[in-house]
Amino acid sequence: MADDPKRKSERVPFPAALKVRNPVPVEAKGVDIGAGGIGVELAQSIAEGSQVELELFGDGTIYAGTVRMVRPLPGGGFRLGIQFQKDDDTLIARAKAIRASAG
């Protein structure tokens, strides 16, 4: 069940480091993740509508998506909402497993 009527799937916290590979290589921090998208924070903005490639789990797997929302953060940096090209229901389970193993 979705936690927001606009979302098709559950979102879970995902406070993990990740890498944006394209359009510009930059380190980012996850905020939350669902089967259809992810919220991330990073130091520089990437324009809405941009196609991005993300490495989420440090295993070299790349997830492609589109930036749907960009918001400046009060202390500097930006929060982005990225919609994946394809929904992947395994992402929620992987994020929960990482959180559980972190303690």
N, C-alpha and C. Protein backbone atom coordinates (compact mmCIF):
# COMPACT_ATOMS: atom_id res chain seq x y z
N MET A 1 0.84 -1.18 0.00
CA MET A 1 0.00 0.00 0.00
C MET A 1 0.88 1.24 0.00
N ALA A 2 0.51 2.21 -0.75
CA ALA A 2 1.28 3.45 -0.84
C ALA A 2 1.02 4.31 0.38
N ASP A 3 2.03 5.05 0.83
CA ASP A 3 1.87 5.94 1.97
C ASP A 3 1.46 7.34 1.55
N ASP A 4 1.35 7.58 0.27
CA ASP A 4 0.96 8.86 -0.30
C ASP A 4 0.05 8.54 -1.49
N PRO A 5 -1.10 9.19 -1.59
CA PRO A 5 -2.02 8.85 -2.67
C PRO A 5 -1.43 9.01 -4.07
N LYS A 6 -0.40 9.84 -4.23
CA LYS A 6 0.22 10.03 -5.55
C LYS A 6 1.18 8.90 -5.88
N ARG A 7 1.57 8.11 -4.90
CA ARG A 7 2.56 7.05 -5.10
C ARG A 7 1.88 5.70 -5.24
N LYS A 8 2.49 4.87 -6.09
CA LYS A 8 1.94 3.54 -6.32
C LYS A 8 2.44 2.51 -5.32
N SER A 9 3.53 2.82 -4.63
CA SER A 9 4.10 1.83 -3.72
C SER A 9 4.57 2.49 -2.42
N GLU A 10 4.85 1.63 -1.46
CA GLU A 10 5.38 2.06 -0.16
C GLU A 10 6.71 2.77 -0.35
N ARG A 11 6.99 3.76 0.50
CA ARG A 11 8.30 4.42 0.56
C ARG A 11 8.89 4.08 1.93
N VAL A 12 10.18 3.76 1.95
CA VAL A 12 10.86 3.46 3.20
C VAL A 12 12.10 4.33 3.32
N PRO A 13 12.51 4.64 4.55
CA PRO A 13 13.74 5.42 4.71
C PRO A 13 14.93 4.72 4.06
N PHE A 14 15.80 5.51 3.45
CA PHE A 14 16.99 4.98 2.78
C PHE A 14 18.14 5.96 2.95
N PRO A 15 18.63 6.10 4.21
CA PRO A 15 19.71 7.07 4.49
C PRO A 15 21.09 6.53 4.15
N ALA A 16 21.28 6.13 2.92
CA ALA A 16 22.54 5.53 2.50
C ALA A 16 23.25 6.39 1.46
N ALA A 17 24.56 6.27 1.43
CA ALA A 17 25.33 6.97 0.40
C ALA A 17 25.07 6.30 -0.94
N LEU A 18 25.03 7.12 -1.99
CA LEU A 18 24.85 6.60 -3.33
C LEU A 18 25.58 7.50 -4.30
N LYS A 19 25.66 7.07 -5.54
CA LYS A 19 26.39 7.84 -6.55
C LYS A 19 25.48 8.15 -7.72
N VAL A 20 25.48 9.42 -8.12
CA VAL A 20 24.87 9.81 -9.38
C VAL A 20 25.97 9.65 -10.42
N ARG A 21 25.71 8.89 -11.45
CA ARG A 21 26.71 8.63 -12.50
C ARG A 21 26.54 9.60 -13.66
N ASN A 22 25.33 9.89 -14.03
CA ASN A 22 25.00 10.79 -15.13
C ASN A 22 23.80 11.63 -14.72
N PRO A 23 23.68 12.86 -15.12
CA PRO A 23 24.43 13.56 -16.14
C PRO A 23 25.76 14.11 -15.63
N VAL A 24 25.96 14.11 -14.32
CA VAL A 24 27.22 14.59 -13.74
C VAL A 24 27.56 13.67 -12.57
N PRO A 25 28.80 13.19 -12.48
CA PRO A 25 29.15 12.32 -11.36
C PRO A 25 29.20 13.12 -10.05
N VAL A 26 28.43 12.68 -9.07
CA VAL A 26 28.39 13.35 -7.78
C VAL A 26 27.91 12.38 -6.71
N GLU A 27 28.46 12.53 -5.52
CA GLU A 27 28.02 11.74 -4.37
C GLU A 27 26.70 12.31 -3.87
N ALA A 28 25.83 11.45 -3.39
CA ALA A 28 24.54 11.87 -2.87
C ALA A 28 24.18 11.02 -1.67
N LYS A 29 23.13 11.42 -0.97
CA LYS A 29 22.62 10.67 0.18
C LYS A 29 21.16 10.36 -0.07
N GLY A 30 20.80 9.10 0.10
CA GLY A 30 19.40 8.72 -0.03
C GLY A 30 18.58 9.27 1.13
N VAL A 31 17.32 9.50 0.87
CA VAL A 31 16.37 9.93 1.90
C VAL A 31 15.32 8.84 2.09
N ASP A 32 14.63 8.52 1.01
CA ASP A 32 13.66 7.44 1.03
C ASP A 32 13.59 6.81 -0.35
N ILE A 33 13.02 5.58 -0.40
CA ILE A 33 12.99 4.85 -1.66
C ILE A 33 11.71 4.03 -1.73
N GLY A 34 11.24 3.84 -2.93
CA GLY A 34 10.09 2.99 -3.21
C GLY A 34 10.35 2.25 -4.50
N ALA A 35 9.41 1.42 -4.91
CA ALA A 35 9.58 0.66 -6.14
C ALA A 35 9.69 1.57 -7.36
N GLY A 36 9.08 2.75 -7.29
CA GLY A 36 9.04 3.62 -8.45
C GLY A 36 9.93 4.83 -8.41
N GLY A 37 10.63 5.06 -7.27
CA GLY A 37 11.46 6.26 -7.22
C GLY A 37 12.23 6.39 -5.93
N ILE A 38 13.02 7.46 -5.87
CA ILE A 38 13.88 7.70 -4.71
C ILE A 38 13.98 9.20 -4.44
N GLY A 39 14.08 9.54 -3.17
CA GLY A 39 14.41 10.90 -2.76
C GLY A 39 15.87 10.94 -2.39
N VAL A 40 16.60 11.93 -2.89
CA VAL A 40 18.03 12.06 -2.61
C VAL A 40 18.37 13.49 -2.24
N GLU A 41 19.46 13.66 -1.52
CA GLU A 41 20.01 14.98 -1.21
C GLU A 41 21.43 15.03 -1.78
N LEU A 42 21.76 16.17 -2.40
CA LEU A 42 23.09 16.36 -2.92
C LEU A 42 23.46 17.83 -2.93
N ALA A 43 24.75 18.09 -3.09
CA ALA A 43 25.25 19.46 -2.99
C ALA A 43 24.86 20.33 -4.17
N GLN A 44 24.72 19.75 -5.34
CA GLN A 44 24.39 20.56 -6.51
C GLN A 44 23.05 20.12 -7.10
N SER A 45 22.43 21.02 -7.80
CA SER A 45 21.13 20.75 -8.40
C SER A 45 21.30 20.04 -9.73
N ILE A 46 20.32 19.22 -10.06
CA ILE A 46 20.19 18.64 -11.39
C ILE A 46 18.79 19.04 -11.85
N ALA A 47 18.68 19.61 -13.02
CA ALA A 47 17.42 20.19 -13.48
C ALA A 47 16.29 19.16 -13.59
N GLU A 48 15.07 19.62 -13.23
CA GLU A 48 13.89 18.78 -13.44
C GLU A 48 13.83 18.35 -14.89
N GLY A 49 13.43 17.11 -15.10
CA GLY A 49 13.33 16.56 -16.45
C GLY A 49 14.61 15.89 -16.91
N SER A 50 15.71 16.09 -16.18
CA SER A 50 16.98 15.46 -16.57
C SER A 50 16.91 13.95 -16.39
N GLN A 51 17.55 13.24 -17.30
CA GLN A 51 17.70 11.80 -17.18
C GLN A 51 18.93 11.55 -16.31
N VAL A 52 18.80 10.65 -15.33
CA VAL A 52 19.91 10.36 -14.43
C VAL A 52 20.16 8.86 -14.37
N GLU A 53 21.38 8.53 -13.96
CA GLU A 53 21.76 7.16 -13.68
C GLU A 53 22.34 7.14 -12.27
N LEU A 54 21.84 6.22 -11.44
CA LEU A 54 22.25 6.13 -10.04
C LEU A 54 22.81 4.76 -9.73
N GLU A 55 23.84 4.74 -8.89
CA GLU A 55 24.31 3.48 -8.31
C GLU A 55 23.88 3.52 -6.85
N LEU A 56 22.94 2.66 -6.48
CA LEU A 56 22.33 2.74 -5.16
C LEU A 56 22.97 1.87 -4.09
N PHE A 57 23.42 0.70 -4.44
CA PHE A 57 23.83 -0.27 -3.42
C PHE A 57 25.32 -0.59 -3.44
N GLY A 58 26.10 0.18 -4.19
CA GLY A 58 27.53 -0.04 -4.23
C GLY A 58 27.95 -1.32 -4.93
N ASP A 59 27.04 -1.93 -5.67
CA ASP A 59 27.37 -3.18 -6.35
C ASP A 59 27.51 -3.02 -7.86
N GLY A 60 27.52 -1.77 -8.31
CA GLY A 60 27.70 -1.50 -9.73
C GLY A 60 26.41 -1.49 -10.54
N THR A 61 25.29 -1.90 -9.93
CA THR A 61 24.02 -1.89 -10.65
C THR A 61 23.55 -0.45 -10.81
N ILE A 62 23.17 -0.11 -12.03
CA ILE A 62 22.74 1.25 -12.35
C ILE A 62 21.23 1.29 -12.52
N TYR A 63 20.60 2.27 -11.90
CA TYR A 63 19.16 2.50 -12.01
C TYR A 63 18.97 3.81 -12.76
N ALA A 64 18.18 3.77 -13.83
CA ALA A 64 17.91 4.96 -14.63
C ALA A 64 16.60 5.60 -14.20
N GLY A 65 16.57 6.93 -14.26
CA GLY A 65 15.35 7.63 -13.87
C GLY A 65 15.33 9.05 -14.40
N THR A 66 14.28 9.76 -14.00
CA THR A 66 14.05 11.14 -14.40
C THR A 66 13.84 12.00 -13.17
N VAL A 67 14.51 13.13 -13.10
CA VAL A 67 14.31 14.07 -11.99
C VAL A 67 12.92 14.69 -12.14
N ARG A 68 12.07 14.50 -11.13
CA ARG A 68 10.70 15.02 -11.16
C ARG A 68 10.50 16.21 -10.23
N MET A 69 11.41 16.39 -9.25
CA MET A 69 11.26 17.47 -8.28
C MET A 69 12.64 17.90 -7.81
N VAL A 70 12.84 19.22 -7.69
CA VAL A 70 14.08 19.78 -7.15
C VAL A 70 13.68 20.85 -6.14
N ARG A 71 14.23 20.75 -4.93
CA ARG A 71 13.93 21.73 -3.88
C ARG A 71 15.21 22.09 -3.15
N PRO A 72 15.49 23.39 -2.97
CA PRO A 72 16.67 23.76 -2.18
C PRO A 72 16.46 23.41 -0.72
N LEU A 73 17.53 23.01 -0.05
CA LEU A 73 17.47 22.70 1.38
C LEU A 73 17.91 23.91 2.19
N PRO A 74 17.33 24.13 3.37
CA PRO A 74 17.64 25.32 4.16
C PRO A 74 19.13 25.50 4.48
N GLY A 75 19.85 24.41 4.73
CA GLY A 75 21.27 24.52 5.08
C GLY A 75 22.20 24.44 3.89
N GLY A 76 21.65 24.45 2.69
CA GLY A 76 22.45 24.30 1.48
C GLY A 76 22.23 22.94 0.86
N GLY A 77 22.45 22.85 -0.40
CA GLY A 77 22.22 21.61 -1.12
C GLY A 77 20.80 21.53 -1.65
N PHE A 78 20.46 20.37 -2.18
CA PHE A 78 19.17 20.19 -2.84
C PHE A 78 18.58 18.83 -2.54
N ARG A 79 17.27 18.78 -2.50
CA ARG A 79 16.52 17.52 -2.39
C ARG A 79 15.90 17.27 -3.76
N LEU A 80 16.15 16.07 -4.30
CA LEU A 80 15.59 15.70 -5.60
C LEU A 80 14.67 14.51 -5.44
N GLY A 81 13.61 14.51 -6.19
CA GLY A 81 12.73 13.36 -6.33
C GLY A 81 12.98 12.77 -7.70
N ILE A 82 13.34 11.51 -7.74
CA ILE A 82 13.68 10.85 -9.01
C ILE A 82 12.75 9.68 -9.22
N GLN A 83 12.11 9.66 -10.38
CA GLN A 83 11.23 8.56 -10.76
C GLN A 83 12.04 7.58 -11.61
N PHE A 84 12.02 6.29 -11.21
CA PHE A 84 12.73 5.28 -11.98
C PHE A 84 12.02 5.01 -13.30
N GLN A 85 12.78 4.59 -14.30
CA GLN A 85 12.18 4.25 -15.59
C GLN A 85 11.27 3.03 -15.48
N LYS A 86 11.67 2.10 -14.60
CA LYS A 86 10.86 0.90 -14.38
C LYS A 86 10.70 0.69 -12.88
N ASP A 87 9.48 0.36 -12.45
CA ASP A 87 9.28 0.01 -11.05
C ASP A 87 10.04 -1.28 -10.73
N ASP A 88 10.59 -1.35 -9.53
CA ASP A 88 11.33 -2.52 -9.09
C ASP A 88 10.96 -2.79 -7.64
N ASP A 89 10.05 -3.75 -7.42
CA ASP A 89 9.57 -4.05 -6.08
C ASP A 89 10.66 -4.58 -5.15
N THR A 90 11.78 -5.05 -5.67
CA THR A 90 12.85 -5.57 -4.81
C THR A 90 13.59 -4.46 -4.08
N LEU A 91 13.48 -3.21 -4.55
CA LEU A 91 14.21 -2.10 -3.93
C LEU A 91 13.78 -1.88 -2.48
N ILE A 92 12.50 -2.02 -2.18
CA ILE A 92 12.02 -1.82 -0.81
C ILE A 92 12.63 -2.85 0.11
N ALA A 93 12.63 -4.11 -0.30
CA ALA A 93 13.21 -5.17 0.53
C ALA A 93 14.71 -4.95 0.73
N ARG A 94 15.42 -4.55 -0.32
CA ARG A 94 16.86 -4.30 -0.19
C ARG A 94 17.13 -3.15 0.77
N ALA A 95 16.34 -2.08 0.68
CA ALA A 95 16.53 -0.93 1.58
C ALA A 95 16.24 -1.33 3.02
N LYS A 96 15.20 -2.12 3.24
CA LYS A 96 14.87 -2.58 4.60
C LYS A 96 15.98 -3.48 5.16
N ALA A 97 16.56 -4.32 4.33
CA ALA A 97 17.64 -5.20 4.76
C ALA A 97 18.87 -4.40 5.16
N ILE A 98 19.18 -3.38 4.39
CA ILE A 98 20.33 -2.53 4.72
C ILE A 98 20.09 -1.83 6.04
N ARG A 99 18.90 -1.31 6.23
CA ARG A 99 18.57 -0.62 7.48
C ARG A 99 18.65 -1.58 8.67
N ALA A 100 18.16 -2.80 8.50
CA ALA A 100 18.19 -3.78 9.58
C ALA A 100 19.62 -4.17 9.94
N SER A 101 20.47 -4.31 8.93
CA SER A 101 21.86 -4.71 9.20
C SER A 101 22.67 -3.57 9.82
N ALA A 102 22.21 -2.33 9.63
CA ALA A 102 22.91 -1.18 10.21
C ALA A 102 22.61 -1.05 11.70
N GLY A 103 21.61 -1.77 12.15
CA GLY A 103 21.34 -1.75 13.58
C GLY A 103 20.16 -0.95 13.91
